[in-house]
Protein backbone atom coordinates (compact mmCIF):
# COMPACT_ATOMS: atom_id res chain seq x y z
CA MET A 1 -8.96 13.06 -1.24
CA ASP A 2 -7.64 10.64 1.39
CA ALA A 3 -4.50 11.22 3.60
CA PHE A 4 -2.14 9.38 1.23
CA ASP A 5 -3.56 10.48 -2.13
CA GLU A 6 -1.44 13.57 -2.65
CA VAL A 7 1.86 11.74 -2.06
CA VAL A 8 0.92 8.62 -4.06
CA GLU A 9 -0.35 10.68 -6.96
CA SER A 10 2.70 12.97 -7.16
CA VAL A 11 5.35 10.31 -6.63
CA ASN A 12 3.62 7.42 -8.42
CA PRO A 13 5.83 4.80 -6.71
CA ASP A 14 6.77 1.43 -8.06
CA ALA A 15 6.53 -0.02 -4.49
CA ILE A 16 5.11 1.00 -1.13
CA PHE A 17 6.40 -0.41 2.14
CA HIS A 18 3.91 0.40 4.92
CA THR A 19 5.48 -0.82 8.17
CA ALA A 20 4.18 1.73 10.77
CA SER A 21 1.82 0.64 13.42
CA PRO A 22 0.90 2.33 16.72
CA VAL A 23 2.65 0.88 19.69
CA SER A 24 2.06 1.58 23.39
CA LEU A 25 3.09 0.02 26.64
CA ASP A 26 0.12 1.75 28.36
CA ALA A 27 -2.30 -1.05 29.28
CA SER A 28 -5.13 1.38 29.65
CA ILE A 29 -5.34 2.11 25.95
CA ASP A 30 -8.20 0.30 24.29
CA PRO A 31 -6.81 -2.33 21.85
CA GLU A 32 -9.70 -1.59 19.47
CA ILE A 33 -8.42 1.95 19.16
CA MET A 34 -4.84 0.88 18.44
CA PHE A 35 -5.84 -1.91 15.97
CA GLY A 36 -8.37 0.45 14.34
CA GLN A 37 -5.57 2.99 13.69
CA ALA A 38 -3.33 0.31 12.15
CA ILE A 39 -6.17 -1.05 10.03
CA HIS A 40 -7.28 2.36 8.76
CA GLY A 41 -3.71 3.38 7.91
CA THR A 42 -3.10 0.16 5.98
CA LEU A 43 -6.36 0.40 4.08
CA GLY A 44 -5.69 4.10 3.36
CA ILE A 45 -2.34 3.55 1.75
CA LEU A 46 -3.64 0.53 -0.23
CA GLN A 47 -6.69 2.43 -1.49
CA SER A 48 -4.62 5.41 -2.55
CA ALA A 49 -2.18 3.14 -4.36
CA GLN A 50 -5.07 1.37 -6.15
CA ARG A 51 -6.78 4.66 -6.99
CA PHE A 52 -3.65 5.88 -8.80
CA GLY A 53 -2.77 2.59 -10.43
CA CYS A 54 0.51 1.70 -8.72
CA VAL A 55 -0.46 -1.53 -7.00
CA TYR A 56 -0.02 -4.78 -8.84
CA SER A 57 0.33 -7.08 -5.87
CA HIS A 58 0.17 -6.94 -2.06
CA HIS A 59 2.35 -8.87 0.33
CA ARG A 60 1.45 -9.14 3.96
CA THR A 61 3.90 -9.90 6.73
CA ARG A 62 3.68 -9.93 10.48
CA GLY A 63 6.08 -9.78 13.33
CA ALA A 64 7.21 -12.74 15.44
CA ARG A 65 5.21 -13.47 18.60
């Protein structure tokens, strides 16, 4: 079972809003690590939603630059 499976299975949501992403002002942190965490978190919630049949569409947004 993945990190989000228990919640997605028990709640069976109609919608999921995944907006969290790691943020740091510390320039010494490797960007690959930060982006890796964001990517794995996003994939994890999408895979759990797909596994339990509660995703019918996916909408991607991004912040302003």
